[in-house]
């Protein structure tokens, strides 16, 4: 064990900037994560998909808990994507049957990997039209799962 010191950077910004997702069957390999960093290799011709969310709506939480099998982390990446459209609705419906791995970029410029091929994330969404024309119209979305390991820093994401 070591001391836990004050962060050296002058800023510690909350929130997330953006995130990407990929179906687990598009992943070739996720490196050994025992050193605290992961490297993800995708299958040839596959790439990450970016998911737009309204500024200030994207967040990630992971809560450490215990069960009969040991420690797990109750994880959830969630946000709001604005405006209903036929194309968006079709994409969200297609995503319901897939399982995913996600990477987020936080406001401190850290990329972190959530999920794995063995423990993929589940996707859900809900739509709200809003009460008035000034109300928010769009989808609350989330990727979640109880995982045996925390989100991990990713070193080769671009």
C-alpha atoms as a PDB file:
ATOM      1  CA  UNK A   1       0.000   0.000   0.000  1.00  0.00           C
ATOM      2  CA  UNK A   2       0.968   3.619  -0.574  1.00  0.00           C
ATOM      3  CA  UNK A   3      -0.076   7.054   0.627  1.00  0.00           C
ATOM      4  CA  UNK A   4      -3.014   8.601  -1.190  1.00  0.00           C
ATOM      5  CA  UNK A   5      -1.827  12.099  -1.995  1.00  0.00           C
ATOM      6  CA  UNK A   6      -3.460  15.256  -3.251  1.00  0.00           C
ATOM      7  CA  UNK A   7      -3.808  15.159  -7.076  1.00  0.00           C
ATOM      8  CA  UNK A   8      -0.916  16.951  -8.808  1.00  0.00           C
ATOM      9  CA  UNK A   9      -3.034  18.483 -11.567  1.00  0.00           C
ATOM     10  CA  UNK A  10      -4.538  21.891 -10.780  1.00  0.00           C
ATOM     11  CA  UNK A  11      -8.025  20.901 -11.924  1.00  0.00           C
ATOM     12  CA  UNK A  12     -10.226  17.937 -11.120  1.00  0.00           C
ATOM     13  CA  UNK A  13     -13.194  18.263 -13.440  1.00  0.00           C
ATOM     14  CA  UNK A  14     -16.337  16.226 -12.968  1.00  0.00           C
ATOM     15  CA  UNK A  15     -18.443  14.843 -15.778  1.00  0.00           C
ATOM     16  CA  UNK A  16     -17.850  13.086 -19.042  1.00  0.00           C
ATOM     17  CA  UNK A  17     -17.184  14.607 -22.448  1.00  0.00           C
ATOM     18  CA  UNK A  18     -18.268  11.763 -24.761  1.00  0.00           C
ATOM     19  CA  UNK A  19     -18.345   8.014 -25.238  1.00  0.00           C
ATOM     20  CA  UNK A  20     -18.051   5.269 -27.803  1.00  0.00           C
ATOM     21  CA  UNK A  21     -19.535   1.769 -27.974  1.00  0.00           C
ATOM     22  CA  UNK A  22     -18.924  -1.417 -29.921  1.00  0.00           C
ATOM     23  CA  UNK A  23     -20.677  -4.795 -30.039  1.00  0.00           C
ATOM     24  CA  UNK A  24     -18.569  -7.446 -28.328  1.00  0.00           C
ATOM     25  CA  UNK A  25     -18.476  -9.574 -31.479  1.00  0.00           C
ATOM     26  CA  UNK A  26     -16.448  -6.789 -33.183  1.00  0.00           C
ATOM     27  CA  UNK A  27     -13.604  -7.187 -30.673  1.00  0.00           C
ATOM     28  CA  UNK A  28     -10.615  -9.411 -31.378  1.00  0.00           C
ATOM     29  CA  UNK A  29      -8.872  -9.068 -28.015  1.00  0.00           C
ATOM     30  CA  UNK A  30      -8.729  -7.065 -24.794  1.00  0.00           C
ATOM     31  CA  UNK A  31      -5.234  -7.256 -23.299  1.00  0.00           C
ATOM     32  CA  UNK A  32      -4.404  -8.414 -19.815  1.00  0.00           C
ATOM     33  CA  UNK A  33      -5.530  -5.667 -17.477  1.00  0.00           C
ATOM     34  CA  UNK A  34      -3.482  -6.634 -14.432  1.00  0.00           C
ATOM     35  CA  UNK A  35      -1.225  -3.577 -14.843  1.00  0.00           C
ATOM     36  CA  UNK A  36      -4.195  -1.189 -14.592  1.00  0.00           C
ATOM     37  CA  UNK A  37      -4.394  -0.404 -18.320  1.00  0.00           C
ATOM     38  CA  UNK A  38      -6.097  -2.211 -21.172  1.00  0.00           C
ATOM     39  CA  UNK A  39      -5.447  -2.367 -24.898  1.00  0.00           C
ATOM     40  CA  UNK A  40      -8.339  -3.260 -27.197  1.00  0.00           C
ATOM     41  CA  UNK A  41      -7.789  -4.839 -30.617  1.00  0.00           C
ATOM     42  CA  UNK A  42     -10.781  -4.790 -32.969  1.00  0.00           C
ATOM     43  CA  UNK A  43     -11.505  -7.210 -35.781  1.00  0.00           C
ATOM     44  CA  UNK A  44     -10.364  -6.069 -39.226  1.00  0.00           C
ATOM     45  CA  UNK A  45     -12.764  -3.529 -40.711  1.00  0.00           C
ATOM     46  CA  UNK A  46     -14.528  -2.803 -37.406  1.00  0.00           C
ATOM     47  CA  UNK A  47     -14.470   0.508 -35.557  1.00  0.00           C
ATOM     48  CA  UNK A  48     -15.951   2.202 -32.506  1.00  0.00           C
ATOM     49  CA  UNK A  49     -19.298   4.008 -32.796  1.00  0.00           C
ATOM     50  CA  UNK A  50     -19.650   7.419 -31.154  1.00  0.00           C
ATOM     51  CA  UNK A  51     -22.935   8.090 -29.338  1.00  0.00           C
ATOM     52  CA  UNK A  52     -23.982  11.739 -29.129  1.00  0.00           C
ATOM     53  CA  UNK A  53     -25.456  12.907 -25.823  1.00  0.00           C
ATOM     54  CA  UNK A  54     -26.477  16.399 -24.766  1.00  0.00           C
ATOM     55  CA  UNK A  55     -23.753  18.370 -23.028  1.00  0.00           C
ATOM     56  CA  UNK A  56     -23.889  17.873 -19.278  1.00  0.00           C
ATOM     57  CA  UNK A  57     -26.107  14.767 -19.417  1.00  0.00           C
ATOM     58  CA  UNK A  58     -23.457  12.034 -19.680  1.00  0.00           C
ATOM     59  CA  UNK A  59     -22.367  10.326 -16.452  1.00  0.00           C
ATOM     60  CA  UNK A  60     -20.812   7.120 -15.181  1.00  0.00           C
ATOM     61  CA  UNK A  61     -21.233   5.445 -11.815  1.00  0.00           C
ATOM     62  CA  UNK A  62     -19.763   2.313 -10.294  1.00  0.00           C
ATOM     63  CA  UNK A  63     -20.669   1.180  -6.826  1.00  0.00           C
ATOM     64  CA  UNK A  64     -18.644  -1.555  -5.109  1.00  0.00           C
ATOM     65  CA  UNK A  65     -20.807  -4.259  -3.545  1.00  0.00           C
ATOM     66  CA  UNK A  66     -20.482  -7.792  -2.203  1.00  0.00           C
ATOM     67  CA  UNK A  67     -22.396 -10.981  -2.944  1.00  0.00           C
ATOM     68  CA  UNK A  68     -21.832 -14.707  -2.353  1.00  0.00           C
ATOM     69  CA  UNK A  69     -19.261 -14.751  -5.204  1.00  0.00           C
ATOM     70  CA  UNK A  70     -17.275 -11.792  -3.859  1.00  0.00           C
ATOM     71  CA  UNK A  71     -16.859  -8.187  -4.889  1.00  0.00           C
ATOM     72  CA  UNK A  72     -18.651  -6.699  -7.887  1.00  0.00           C
ATOM     73  CA  UNK A  73     -19.273  -3.214  -9.253  1.00  0.00           C
ATOM     74  CA  UNK A  74     -22.770  -2.040 -10.112  1.00  0.00           C
ATOM     75  CA  UNK A  75     -21.987   0.068 -13.199  1.00  0.00           C
ATOM     76  CA  UNK A  76     -24.032   2.453 -15.325  1.00  0.00           C
ATOM     77  CA  UNK A  77     -23.118   4.791 -18.175  1.00  0.00           C
ATOM     78  CA  UNK A  78     -26.078   7.046 -18.936  1.00  0.00           C
ATOM     79  CA  UNK A  79     -27.006  10.160 -20.851  1.00  0.00           C
ATOM     80  CA  UNK A  80     -29.634  11.949 -22.885  1.00  0.00           C
ATOM     81  CA  UNK A  81     -29.777  12.058 -26.677  1.00  0.00           C
ATOM     82  CA  UNK A  82     -32.095  14.735 -28.044  1.00  0.00           C
ATOM     83  CA  UNK A  83     -34.912  14.692 -30.562  1.00  0.00           C
ATOM     84  CA  UNK A  84     -36.941  11.757 -31.792  1.00  0.00           C
ATOM     85  CA  UNK A  85     -36.493  10.612 -35.379  1.00  0.00           C
ATOM     86  CA  UNK A  86     -37.235   7.523 -37.401  1.00  0.00           C
ATOM     87  CA  UNK A  87     -33.521   6.848 -38.019  1.00  0.00           C
ATOM     88  CA  UNK A  88     -32.602   7.202 -34.336  1.00  0.00           C
ATOM     89  CA  UNK A  89     -35.485   4.994 -33.246  1.00  0.00           C
ATOM     90  CA  UNK A  90     -34.404   2.312 -35.715  1.00  0.00           C
ATOM     91  CA  UNK A  91     -30.780   2.379 -34.458  1.00  0.00           C
ATOM     92  CA  UNK A  92     -31.853   2.159 -30.815  1.00  0.00           C
ATOM     93  CA  UNK A  93     -34.127  -0.796 -31.584  1.00  0.00           C
ATOM     94  CA  UNK A  94     -31.238  -2.612 -33.325  1.00  0.00           C
ATOM     95  CA  UNK A  95     -29.011  -2.032 -30.284  1.00  0.00           C
ATOM     96  CA  UNK A  96     -31.446  -3.762 -27.892  1.00  0.00           C
ATOM     97  CA  UNK A  97     -30.388  -7.236 -29.048  1.00  0.00           C
ATOM     98  CA  UNK A  98     -26.630  -6.568 -28.895  1.00  0.00           C
ATOM     99  CA  UNK A  99     -24.161  -6.623 -26.004  1.00  0.00           C
ATOM    100  CA  UNK A 100     -21.487  -3.952 -25.779  1.00  0.00           C
ATOM    101  CA  UNK A 101     -18.214  -2.642 -24.474  1.00  0.00           C
ATOM    102  CA  UNK A 102     -17.951   1.138 -24.011  1.00  0.00           C
ATOM    103  CA  UNK A 103     -15.152   3.688 -23.668  1.00  0.00           C
ATOM    104  CA  UNK A 104     -15.731   7.107 -22.169  1.00  0.00           C
ATOM    105  CA  UNK A 105     -13.622  10.255 -22.158  1.00  0.00           C
ATOM    106  CA  UNK A 106     -13.925  12.211 -18.940  1.00  0.00           C
ATOM    107  CA  UNK A 107     -13.336  15.936 -18.564  1.00  0.00           C
ATOM    108  CA  UNK A 108      -9.823  15.241 -17.213  1.00  0.00           C
ATOM    109  CA  UNK A 109      -8.853  13.613 -20.566  1.00  0.00           C
ATOM    110  CA  UNK A 110      -8.922  10.029 -19.267  1.00  0.00           C
ATOM    111  CA  UNK A 111     -10.276   7.236 -21.459  1.00  0.00           C
ATOM    112  CA  UNK A 112     -11.776   4.294 -19.541  1.00  0.00           C
ATOM    113  CA  UNK A 113     -13.065   0.938 -20.766  1.00  0.00           C
ATOM    114  CA  UNK A 114     -16.296  -0.495 -19.335  1.00  0.00           C
ATOM    115  CA  UNK A 115     -17.248  -4.141 -19.803  1.00  0.00           C
ATOM    116  CA  UNK A 116     -15.619  -7.022 -21.663  1.00  0.00           C
ATOM    117  CA  UNK A 117     -16.512  -9.844 -24.022  1.00  0.00           C
ATOM    118  CA  UNK A 118     -17.093 -12.037 -20.949  1.00  0.00           C
ATOM    119  CA  UNK A 119     -19.099  -9.357 -19.115  1.00  0.00           C
ATOM    120  CA  UNK A 120     -20.771  -7.202 -21.776  1.00  0.00           C
ATOM    121  CA  UNK A 121     -22.958  -4.203 -21.055  1.00  0.00           C
ATOM    122  CA  UNK A 122     -26.717  -4.202 -21.619  1.00  0.00           C
ATOM    123  CA  UNK A 123     -28.354  -1.283 -23.430  1.00  0.00           C
ATOM    124  CA  UNK A 124     -31.739   0.243 -22.586  1.00  0.00           C
ATOM    125  CA  UNK A 125     -33.535   3.430 -23.548  1.00  0.00           C
ATOM    126  CA  UNK A 126     -36.715   5.349 -22.795  1.00  0.00           C
ATOM    127  CA  UNK A 127     -38.359   8.208 -24.677  1.00  0.00           C
ATOM    128  CA  UNK A 128     -39.984  11.370 -23.317  1.00  0.00           C
ATOM    129  CA  UNK A 129     -41.684  13.979 -25.501  1.00  0.00           C
ATOM    130  CA  UNK A 130     -41.725  16.655 -22.820  1.00  0.00           C
ATOM    131  CA  UNK A 131     -44.746  18.620 -21.599  1.00  0.00           C
ATOM    132  CA  UNK A 132     -44.316  21.803 -23.658  1.00  0.00           C
ATOM    133  CA  UNK A 133     -42.386  23.064 -26.684  1.00  0.00           C
ATOM    134  CA  UNK A 134     -39.590  24.319 -24.407  1.00  0.00           C
ATOM    135  CA  UNK A 135     -39.292  20.871 -22.756  1.00  0.00           C
ATOM    136  CA  UNK A 136     -36.598  18.361 -23.516  1.00  0.00           C
ATOM    137  CA  UNK A 137     -37.590  15.847 -26.217  1.00  0.00           C
ATOM    138  CA  UNK A 138     -35.508  12.706 -26.646  1.00  0.00           C
ATOM    139  CA  UNK A 139     -34.128   9.517 -25.173  1.00  0.00           C
ATOM    140  CA  UNK A 140     -32.616   8.620 -21.833  1.00  0.00           C
ATOM    141  CA  UNK A 141     -30.085   5.899 -22.649  1.00  0.00           C
ATOM    142  CA  UNK A 142     -27.915   3.648 -20.506  1.00  0.00           C
ATOM    143  CA  UNK A 143     -25.398   0.837 -20.684  1.00  0.00           C
ATOM    144  CA  UNK A 144     -25.159  -1.127 -17.447  1.00  0.00           C
ATOM    145  CA  UNK A 145     -24.159  -4.352 -15.735  1.00  0.00           C
ATOM    146  CA  UNK A 146     -22.850  -5.812 -12.505  1.00  0.00           C
ATOM    147  CA  UNK A 147     -19.148  -6.322 -13.300  1.00  0.00           C
ATOM    148  CA  UNK A 148     -16.435  -8.165 -11.418  1.00  0.00           C
ATOM    149  CA  UNK A 149     -13.898  -5.461 -12.280  1.00  0.00           C
ATOM    150  CA  UNK A 150     -13.952  -1.667 -12.339  1.00  0.00           C
ATOM    151  CA  UNK A 151     -13.768   0.437 -15.473  1.00  0.00           C
ATOM    152  CA  UNK A 152     -10.129   0.417 -16.517  1.00  0.00           C
ATOM    153  CA  UNK A 153      -7.899   2.991 -18.156  1.00  0.00           C
ATOM    154  CA  UNK A 154      -7.373   2.295 -21.860  1.00  0.00           C
ATOM    155  CA  UNK A 155      -4.050   3.144 -23.454  1.00  0.00           C
ATOM    156  CA  UNK A 156      -4.582   2.778 -27.208  1.00  0.00           C
ATOM    157  CA  UNK A 157      -7.823   4.613 -27.827  1.00  0.00           C
ATOM    158  CA  UNK A 158      -8.009   7.155 -30.630  1.00  0.00           C
END
